[in-house]
Amino acid sequence: MKLTHLARSRSTSRPGRAGTRSGRSSRPEMEAGITTAEYAVGTAAGAGFAGLLYTLLTGAFGDQLLERMFKHVMSLLGIG
């Protein structure tokens, strides 16, 4: 019986822990928007990379690259 009382007092005495009513984490409020900023940077980097790939692959370089890759795969398969 003493252990049950101790377990109850521990779970409700610490803020930000499981078993509390607030359900808030122990992170400071200053970090609230940091994940949004990380998503924004990742999205911008992904869009820039996609633009670079599009520019490279739609030009003469892309045609040569795809032709070489196709020939290489066909030779590996013994078809070409």
Protein backbone atom coordinates (compact mmCIF):
# COMPACT_ATOMS: atom_id res chain seq x y z
CA MET A 1 0.00 0.00 0.00
CA LYS A 2 2.87 2.31 0.71
CA LEU A 3 4.33 1.72 -2.79
CA THR A 4 1.05 2.69 -4.46
CA HIS A 5 0.99 5.98 -2.59
CA LEU A 6 4.62 6.66 -3.53
CA ALA A 7 3.98 5.90 -7.21
CA ARG A 8 0.98 8.22 -7.29
CA SER A 9 2.83 11.08 -5.68
CA ARG A 10 5.74 10.72 -8.13
CA SER A 11 3.60 10.66 -11.26
CA THR A 12 1.75 13.87 -10.38
CA SER A 13 4.55 15.83 -8.75
CA ARG A 14 6.79 16.31 -11.81
CA PRO A 15 5.62 18.66 -14.55
CA GLY A 16 5.93 17.42 -18.12
CA ARG A 17 6.03 13.73 -17.21
CA ALA A 18 3.59 10.99 -18.14
CA GLY A 19 0.71 10.86 -15.74
CA THR A 20 0.31 14.60 -15.40
CA ARG A 21 -2.81 16.39 -16.49
CA SER A 22 -1.14 19.16 -18.48
CA GLY A 23 0.59 16.78 -20.93
CA ARG A 24 3.17 19.42 -21.76
CA SER A 25 6.78 18.51 -22.34
CA SER A 26 9.66 19.99 -20.42
CA ARG A 27 10.98 21.91 -23.48
CA PRO A 28 11.30 25.64 -23.15
CA GLU A 29 8.72 27.70 -25.02
CA MET A 30 11.47 29.39 -27.09
CA GLU A 31 11.85 26.23 -29.23
CA ALA A 32 8.20 26.08 -30.28
CA GLY A 33 8.76 27.21 -33.91
CA ILE A 34 12.06 25.52 -34.58
CA THR A 35 10.56 22.49 -36.32
CA THR A 36 8.61 24.75 -38.67
CA ALA A 37 11.83 26.51 -39.64
CA GLU A 38 13.54 23.18 -40.25
CA TYR A 39 10.69 22.06 -42.52
CA ALA A 40 10.90 25.35 -44.43
CA VAL A 41 14.64 24.97 -45.01
CA GLY A 42 14.23 21.34 -46.06
CA THR A 43 11.42 22.24 -48.47
CA ALA A 44 13.43 25.07 -50.02
CA ALA A 45 16.47 22.81 -50.42
CA GLY A 46 14.36 20.08 -51.99
CA ALA A 47 12.76 22.52 -54.43
CA GLY A 48 16.19 23.88 -55.39
CA PHE A 49 17.56 20.39 -55.96
CA ALA A 50 14.52 19.46 -58.07
CA GLY A 51 15.02 22.59 -60.17
CA LEU A 52 18.68 21.74 -60.69
CA LEU A 53 17.86 18.17 -61.73
CA TYR A 54 15.16 19.38 -64.11
CA THR A 55 17.56 21.85 -65.72
CA LEU A 56 20.27 19.23 -66.13
CA LEU A 57 18.08 16.41 -67.37
CA THR A 58 16.02 18.39 -69.89
CA GLY A 59 19.10 19.69 -71.72
CA ALA A 60 21.69 17.98 -73.91
CA PHE A 61 23.49 16.64 -70.84
CA GLY A 62 20.34 14.77 -69.78
CA ASP A 63 19.87 13.26 -73.22
CA GLN A 64 23.47 12.00 -73.28
CA LEU A 65 23.23 10.69 -69.73
CA LEU A 66 20.02 8.76 -70.37
CA GLU A 67 21.38 7.36 -73.65
CA ARG A 68 24.60 6.16 -71.94
CA MET A 69 22.67 4.62 -69.06
CA PHE A 70 20.31 2.83 -71.44
CA LYS A 71 23.18 1.42 -73.48
CA HIS A 72 25.02 0.32 -70.33
CA VAL A 73 21.98 -1.49 -68.92
CA MET A 74 21.31 -3.17 -72.26
CA SER A 75 24.93 -4.37 -72.44
CA LEU A 76 24.74 -5.72 -68.90
CA LEU A 77 21.65 -7.68 -69.86
CA GLY A 78 23.40 -8.94 -73.02
CA ILE A 79 20.79 -7.42 -75.31
CA GLY A 80 22.70 -4.58 -76.92
